[in-house]
Each structure stands twice: as C-alpha cells, then as structure tokens.
C-alpha cells in the first residue's frame, strides 16, 4: 500500500511539533506543566467558550 506524500508530510509535521514541545520541557521543566501537548479535542473544547465577537484579546501561553 503506497502512502500519500501529504500524509507523510502531516505526520512529520506533527512529530516535529511534539518533539519541539518535549524539548521545551527538557530545557525548562519547571516552566512547562506537561510533557505532551494538549490534544486537538481538548484545545477545541477550551476554545469553544471564547466569543470571537467580544473583541477581547486571547492569550495563548505555552512553549510552542
């Protein structure tokens, strides 16, 4: 079964993102409260309470 180049690229990007996150934890373990990034499901749930029409800023805090 042949793998699509797009799938390979997206898997490589995901791995790269998770590796950056883990390196951030290795470099500064006291400043990163997790060793794995938040899942996309959890991120969507947290973002669902934001009202984009409010005009208020949103602050994302994290290593990546």
PDB file of N, CA and C in Angstrom:
ATOM      1  N   UNK A   1       0.846  -1.184   0.000  1.00  0.00           N
ATOM      2  CA  UNK A   1       0.000   0.000   0.000  1.00  0.00           C
ATOM      3  C   UNK A   1       0.887   1.241   0.000  1.00  0.00           C
ATOM      4  N   UNK A   2       0.691   2.109  -0.958  1.00  0.00           N
ATOM      5  CA  UNK A   2       1.503   3.324  -1.085  1.00  0.00           C
ATOM      6  C   UNK A   2       0.969   4.400  -0.147  1.00  0.00           C
ATOM      7  N   UNK A   3       1.876   5.114   0.452  1.00  0.00           N
ATOM      8  CA  UNK A   3       1.495   6.226   1.333  1.00  0.00           C
ATOM      9  C   UNK A   3       1.497   7.509   0.531  1.00  0.00           C
ATOM     10  N   UNK A   4       0.540   8.358   0.834  1.00  0.00           N
ATOM     11  CA  UNK A   4       0.476   9.627   0.115  1.00  0.00           C
ATOM     12  C   UNK A   4       1.521  10.589   0.670  1.00  0.00           C
ATOM     13  N   UNK A   5       2.101  11.425  -0.198  1.00  0.00           N
ATOM     14  CA  UNK A   5       3.090  12.409   0.285  1.00  0.00           C
ATOM     15  C   UNK A   5       2.493  13.373   1.308  1.00  0.00           C
ATOM     16  N   UNK A   6       1.212  13.694   1.150  1.00  0.00           N
ATOM     17  CA  UNK A   6       0.558  14.608   2.090  1.00  0.00           C
ATOM     18  C   UNK A   6       0.464  14.029   3.489  1.00  0.00           C
ATOM     19  N   UNK A   7       0.152  12.734   3.564  1.00  0.00           N
ATOM     20  CA  UNK A   7       0.069  12.076   4.865  1.00  0.00           C
ATOM     21  C   UNK A   7       1.439  12.029   5.522  1.00  0.00           C
ATOM     22  N   UNK A   8       2.442  11.693   4.749  1.00  0.00           N
ATOM     23  CA  UNK A   8       3.805  11.627   5.287  1.00  0.00           C
ATOM     24  C   UNK A   8       4.223  12.993   5.821  1.00  0.00           C
ATOM     25  N   UNK A   9       3.888  14.062   5.069  1.00  0.00           N
ATOM     26  CA  UNK A   9       4.263  15.413   5.494  1.00  0.00           C
ATOM     27  C   UNK A   9       3.520  15.802   6.770  1.00  0.00           C
ATOM     28  N   UNK A  10       2.227  15.503   6.833  1.00  0.00           N
ATOM     29  CA  UNK A  10       1.464  15.896   8.022  1.00  0.00           C
ATOM     30  C   UNK A  10       1.927  15.112   9.253  1.00  0.00           C
ATOM     31  N   UNK A  11       2.282  13.837   9.080  1.00  0.00           N
ATOM     32  CA  UNK A  11       2.810  13.067  10.208  1.00  0.00           C
ATOM     33  C   UNK A  11       4.161  13.613  10.652  1.00  0.00           C
ATOM     34  N   UNK A  12       4.993  13.989   9.689  1.00  0.00           N
ATOM     35  CA  UNK A  12       6.306  14.553  10.015  1.00  0.00           C
ATOM     36  C   UNK A  12       6.146  15.881  10.757  1.00  0.00           C
ATOM     37  N   UNK A  13       5.196  16.716  10.327  1.00  0.00           N
ATOM     38  CA  UNK A  13       4.959  18.000  10.997  1.00  0.00           C
ATOM     39  C   UNK A  13       4.449  17.782  12.419  1.00  0.00           C
ATOM     40  N   UNK A  14       3.543  16.824  12.595  1.00  0.00           N
ATOM     41  CA  UNK A  14       3.017  16.535  13.940  1.00  0.00           C
ATOM     42  C   UNK A  14       4.144  16.041  14.846  1.00  0.00           C
ATOM     43  N   UNK A  15       4.976  15.148  14.335  1.00  0.00           N
ATOM     44  CA  UNK A  15       6.096  14.644  15.122  1.00  0.00           C
ATOM     45  C   UNK A  15       7.040  15.786  15.482  1.00  0.00           C
ATOM     46  N   UNK A  16       7.306  16.671  14.524  1.00  0.00           N
ATOM     47  CA  UNK A  16       8.195  17.807  14.762  1.00  0.00           C
ATOM     48  C   UNK A  16       7.626  18.718  15.851  1.00  0.00           C
ATOM     49  N   UNK A  17       6.324  18.985  15.789  1.00  0.00           N
ATOM     50  CA  UNK A  17       5.678  19.823  16.807  1.00  0.00           C
ATOM     51  C   UNK A  17       5.775  19.190  18.191  1.00  0.00           C
ATOM     52  N   UNK A  18       5.527  17.892  18.272  1.00  0.00           N
ATOM     53  CA  UNK A  18       5.585  17.220  19.572  1.00  0.00           C
ATOM     54  C   UNK A  18       7.010  17.150  20.096  1.00  0.00           C
ATOM     55  N   UNK A  19       7.968  16.996  19.194  1.00  0.00           N
ATOM     56  CA  UNK A  19       9.372  16.975  19.597  1.00  0.00           C
ATOM     57  C   UNK A  19       9.793  18.341  20.150  1.00  0.00           C
ATOM     58  N   UNK A  20       9.351  19.423  19.502  1.00  0.00           N
ATOM     59  CA  UNK A  20       9.648  20.776  19.996  1.00  0.00           C
ATOM     60  C   UNK A  20       9.064  20.968  21.398  1.00  0.00           C
ATOM     61  N   UNK A  21       7.845  20.493  21.582  1.00  0.00           N
ATOM     62  CA  UNK A  21       7.192  20.612  22.882  1.00  0.00           C
ATOM     63  C   UNK A  21       7.997  19.873  23.938  1.00  0.00           C
ATOM     64  N   UNK A  22       8.381  18.635  23.635  1.00  0.00           N
ATOM     65  CA  UNK A  22       9.145  17.819  24.577  1.00  0.00           C
ATOM     66  C   UNK A  22      10.494  18.457  24.889  1.00  0.00           C
ATOM     67  N   UNK A  23      11.147  19.017  23.867  1.00  0.00           N
ATOM     68  CA  UNK A  23      12.433  19.697  24.088  1.00  0.00           C
ATOM     69  C   UNK A  23      12.252  20.905  25.007  1.00  0.00           C
ATOM     70  N   UNK A  24      11.131  21.601  24.865  1.00  0.00           N
ATOM     71  CA  UNK A  24      10.840  22.720  25.759  1.00  0.00           C
ATOM     72  C   UNK A  24      10.739  22.262  27.206  1.00  0.00           C
ATOM     73  N   UNK A  25      10.149  21.089  27.405  1.00  0.00           N
ATOM     74  CA  UNK A  25      10.039  20.525  28.747  1.00  0.00           C
ATOM     75  C   UNK A  25      11.413  20.107  29.268  1.00  0.00           C
ATOM     76  N   UNK A  26      12.235  19.514  28.403  1.00  0.00           N
ATOM     77  CA  UNK A  26      13.586  19.097  28.807  1.00  0.00           C
ATOM     78  C   UNK A  26      14.422  20.322  29.195  1.00  0.00           C
ATOM     79  N   UNK A  27      14.349  21.379  28.373  1.00  0.00           N
ATOM     80  CA  UNK A  27      15.150  22.583  28.619  1.00  0.00           C
ATOM     81  C   UNK A  27      14.717  23.326  29.884  1.00  0.00           C
ATOM     82  N   UNK A  28      13.407  23.431  30.103  1.00  0.00           N
ATOM     83  CA  UNK A  28      12.887  24.196  31.244  1.00  0.00           C
ATOM     84  C   UNK A  28      11.726  23.442  31.891  1.00  0.00           C
ATOM     85  N   UNK A  29      12.019  22.348  32.590  1.00  0.00           N
ATOM     86  CA  UNK A  29      10.937  21.521  33.143  1.00  0.00           C
ATOM     87  C   UNK A  29      10.049  22.245  34.155  1.00  0.00           C
ATOM     88  N   UNK A  30      10.563  23.260  34.814  1.00  0.00           N
ATOM     89  CA  UNK A  30       9.749  23.980  35.802  1.00  0.00           C
ATOM     90  C   UNK A  30       8.790  24.973  35.164  1.00  0.00           C
ATOM     91  N   UNK A  31       8.967  25.249  33.866  1.00  0.00           N
ATOM     92  CA  UNK A  31       8.086  26.214  33.208  1.00  0.00           C
ATOM     93  C   UNK A  31       7.060  25.551  32.299  1.00  0.00           C
ATOM     94  N   UNK A  32       7.194  24.257  32.054  1.00  0.00           N
ATOM     95  CA  UNK A  32       6.242  23.530  31.208  1.00  0.00           C
ATOM     96  C   UNK A  32       5.509  22.535  32.098  1.00  0.00           C
ATOM     97  N   UNK A  33       4.195  22.658  32.168  1.00  0.00           N
ATOM     98  CA  UNK A  33       3.424  21.822  33.077  1.00  0.00           C
ATOM     99  C   UNK A  33       2.994  20.488  32.515  1.00  0.00           C
ATOM    100  N   UNK A  34       3.511  20.110  31.375  1.00  0.00           N
ATOM    101  CA  UNK A  34       3.128  18.855  30.749  1.00  0.00           C
ATOM    102  C   UNK A  34       4.284  18.359  29.894  1.00  0.00           C
ATOM    103  N   UNK A  35       4.297  17.058  29.600  1.00  0.00           N
ATOM    104  CA  UNK A  35       5.345  16.564  28.701  1.00  0.00           C
ATOM    105  C   UNK A  35       4.795  16.248  27.318  1.00  0.00           C
ATOM    106  N   UNK A  36       3.482  16.400  27.144  1.00  0.00           N
ATOM    107  CA  UNK A  36       2.864  16.230  25.826  1.00  0.00           C
ATOM    108  C   UNK A  36       1.932  17.410  25.583  1.00  0.00           C
ATOM    109  N   UNK A  37       1.783  17.822  24.334  1.00  0.00           N
ATOM    110  CA  UNK A  37       0.887  18.943  24.044  1.00  0.00           C
ATOM    111  C   UNK A  37      -0.586  18.578  24.267  1.00  0.00           C
ATOM    112  N   UNK A  38      -1.405  19.580  24.424  1.00  0.00           N
ATOM    113  CA  UNK A  38      -2.839  19.384  24.563  1.00  0.00           C
ATOM    114  C   UNK A  38      -3.394  18.786  23.282  1.00  0.00           C
ATOM    115  N   UNK A  39      -4.296  17.834  23.405  1.00  0.00           N
ATOM    116  CA  UNK A  39      -4.891  17.216  22.217  1.00  0.00           C
ATOM    117  C   UNK A  39      -5.758  18.232  21.482  1.00  0.00           C
ATOM    118  N   UNK A  40      -5.983  17.981  20.204  1.00  0.00           N
ATOM    119  CA  UNK A  40      -6.814  18.898  19.415  1.00  0.00           C
ATOM    120  C   UNK A  40      -8.250  18.905  19.933  1.00  0.00           C
ATOM    121  N   UNK A  41      -8.718  17.795  20.468  1.00  0.00           N
ATOM    122  CA  UNK A  41     -10.078  17.730  21.018  1.00  0.00           C
ATOM    123  C   UNK A  41     -10.189  18.633  22.244  1.00  0.00           C
ATOM    124  N   UNK A  42      -9.213  18.555  23.130  1.00  0.00           N
ATOM    125  CA  UNK A  42      -9.209  19.403  24.326  1.00  0.00           C
ATOM    126  C   UNK A  42      -9.061  20.870  23.948  1.00  0.00           C
ATOM    127  N   UNK A  43      -8.191  21.152  22.995  1.00  0.00           N
ATOM    128  CA  UNK A  43      -7.988  22.535  22.552  1.00  0.00           C
ATOM    129  C   UNK A  43      -9.277  23.117  21.981  1.00  0.00           C
ATOM    130  N   UNK A  44     -10.004  22.335  21.179  1.00  0.00           N
ATOM    131  CA  UNK A  44     -11.278  22.810  20.618  1.00  0.00           C
ATOM    132  C   UNK A  44     -12.296  23.072  21.727  1.00  0.00           C
ATOM    133  N   UNK A  45     -12.327  22.183  22.718  1.00  0.00           N
ATOM    134  CA  UNK A  45     -13.271  22.350  23.831  1.00  0.00           C
ATOM    135  C   UNK A  45     -12.959  23.627  24.611  1.00  0.00           C
ATOM    136  N   UNK A  46     -11.684  23.867  24.882  1.00  0.00           N
ATOM    137  CA  UNK A  46     -11.295  25.083  25.610  1.00  0.00           C
ATOM    138  C   UNK A  46     -11.610  26.327  24.785  1.00  0.00           C
ATOM    139  N   UNK A  47     -11.359  26.276  23.483  1.00  0.00           N
ATOM    140  CA  UNK A  47     -11.594  27.438  22.625  1.00  0.00           C
ATOM    141  C   UNK A  47     -13.080  27.688  22.388  1.00  0.00           C
ATOM    142  N   UNK A  48     -13.910  26.684  22.619  1.00  0.00           N
ATOM    143  CA  UNK A  48     -15.342  26.834  22.342  1.00  0.00           C
ATOM    144  C   UNK A  48     -16.010  27.869  23.240  1.00  0.00           C
ATOM    145  N   UNK A  49     -15.395  28.202  24.368  1.00  0.00           N
ATOM    146  CA  UNK A  49     -16.010  29.198  25.259  1.00  0.00           C
ATOM    147  C   UNK A  49     -15.632  30.630  24.887  1.00  0.00           C
ATOM    148  N   UNK A  50     -14.716  30.788  23.941  1.00  0.00           N
ATOM    149  CA  UNK A  50     -14.294  32.126  23.516  1.00  0.00           C
ATOM    150  C   UNK A  50     -15.339  32.700  22.565  1.00  0.00           C
ATOM    151  N   UNK A  51     -15.760  33.916  22.839  1.00  0.00           N
ATOM    152  CA  UNK A  51     -16.692  34.608  21.955  1.00  0.00           C
ATOM    153  C   UNK A  51     -15.878  35.508  21.036  1.00  0.00           C
ATOM    154  N   UNK A  52     -15.704  35.114  19.765  1.00  0.00           N
ATOM    155  CA  UNK A  52     -14.871  35.912  18.867  1.00  0.00           C
ATOM    156  C   UNK A  52     -15.429  37.312  18.600  1.00  0.00           C
ATOM    157  N   UNK A  53     -16.723  37.509  18.830  1.00  0.00           N
ATOM    158  CA  UNK A  53     -17.329  38.829  18.595  1.00  0.00           C
ATOM    159  C   UNK A  53     -17.156  39.776  19.776  1.00  0.00           C
ATOM    160  N   UNK A  54     -16.570  39.285  20.864  1.00  0.00           N
ATOM    161  CA  UNK A  54     -16.416  40.131  22.051  1.00  0.00           C
ATOM    162  C   UNK A  54     -15.371  41.225  21.847  1.00  0.00           C
ATOM    163  N   UNK A  55     -14.433  40.984  20.932  1.00  0.00           N
ATOM    164  CA  UNK A  55     -13.375  41.957  20.708  1.00  0.00           C
ATOM    165  C   UNK A  55     -12.259  41.883  21.736  1.00  0.00           C
ATOM    166  N   UNK A  56     -12.379  40.973  22.683  1.00  0.00           N
ATOM    167  CA  UNK A  56     -11.348  40.828  23.710  1.00  0.00           C
ATOM    168  C   UNK A  56     -10.177  40.006  23.180  1.00  0.00           C
ATOM    169  N   UNK A  57      -8.980  40.302  23.650  1.00  0.00           N
ATOM    170  CA  UNK A  57      -7.824  39.517  23.201  1.00  0.00           C
ATOM    171  C   UNK A  57      -7.822  38.129  23.849  1.00  0.00           C
ATOM    172  N   UNK A  58      -7.155  37.206  23.196  1.00  0.00           N
ATOM    173  CA  UNK A  58      -6.981  35.852  23.727  1.00  0.00           C
ATOM    174  C   UNK A  58      -5.489  35.622  23.868  1.00  0.00           C
ATOM    175  N   UNK A  59      -5.076  35.172  25.033  1.00  0.00           N
ATOM    176  CA  UNK A  59      -3.664  34.917  25.290  1.00  0.00           C
ATOM    177  C   UNK A  59      -3.417  33.417  25.310  1.00  0.00           C
ATOM    178  N   UNK A  60      -2.539  32.961  24.448  1.00  0.00           N
ATOM    179  CA  UNK A  60      -2.121  31.559  24.454  1.00  0.00           C
ATOM    180  C   UNK A  60      -0.751  31.506  25.105  1.00  0.00           C
ATOM    181  N   UNK A  61      -0.626  30.705  26.144  1.00  0.00           N
ATOM    182  CA  UNK A  61       0.632  30.600  26.865  1.00  0.00           C
ATOM    183  C   UNK A  61       1.162  29.179  26.698  1.00  0.00           C
ATOM    184  N   UNK A  62       2.383  29.065  26.236  1.00  0.00           N
ATOM    185  CA  UNK A  62       2.971  27.743  26.075  1.00  0.00           C
ATOM    186  C   UNK A  62       4.272  27.813  25.318  1.00  0.00           C
ATOM    187  N   UNK A  63       4.962  26.685  25.236  1.00  0.00           N
ATOM    188  CA  UNK A  63       6.267  26.683  24.587  1.00  0.00           C
ATOM    189  C   UNK A  63       6.216  26.683  23.071  1.00  0.00           C
ATOM    190  N   UNK A  64       5.060  26.444  22.494  1.00  0.00           N
ATOM    191  CA  UNK A  64       5.055  26.290  21.036  1.00  0.00           C
ATOM    192  C   UNK A  64       4.119  27.102  20.301  1.00  0.00           C
TER     193      UNK A  64
END
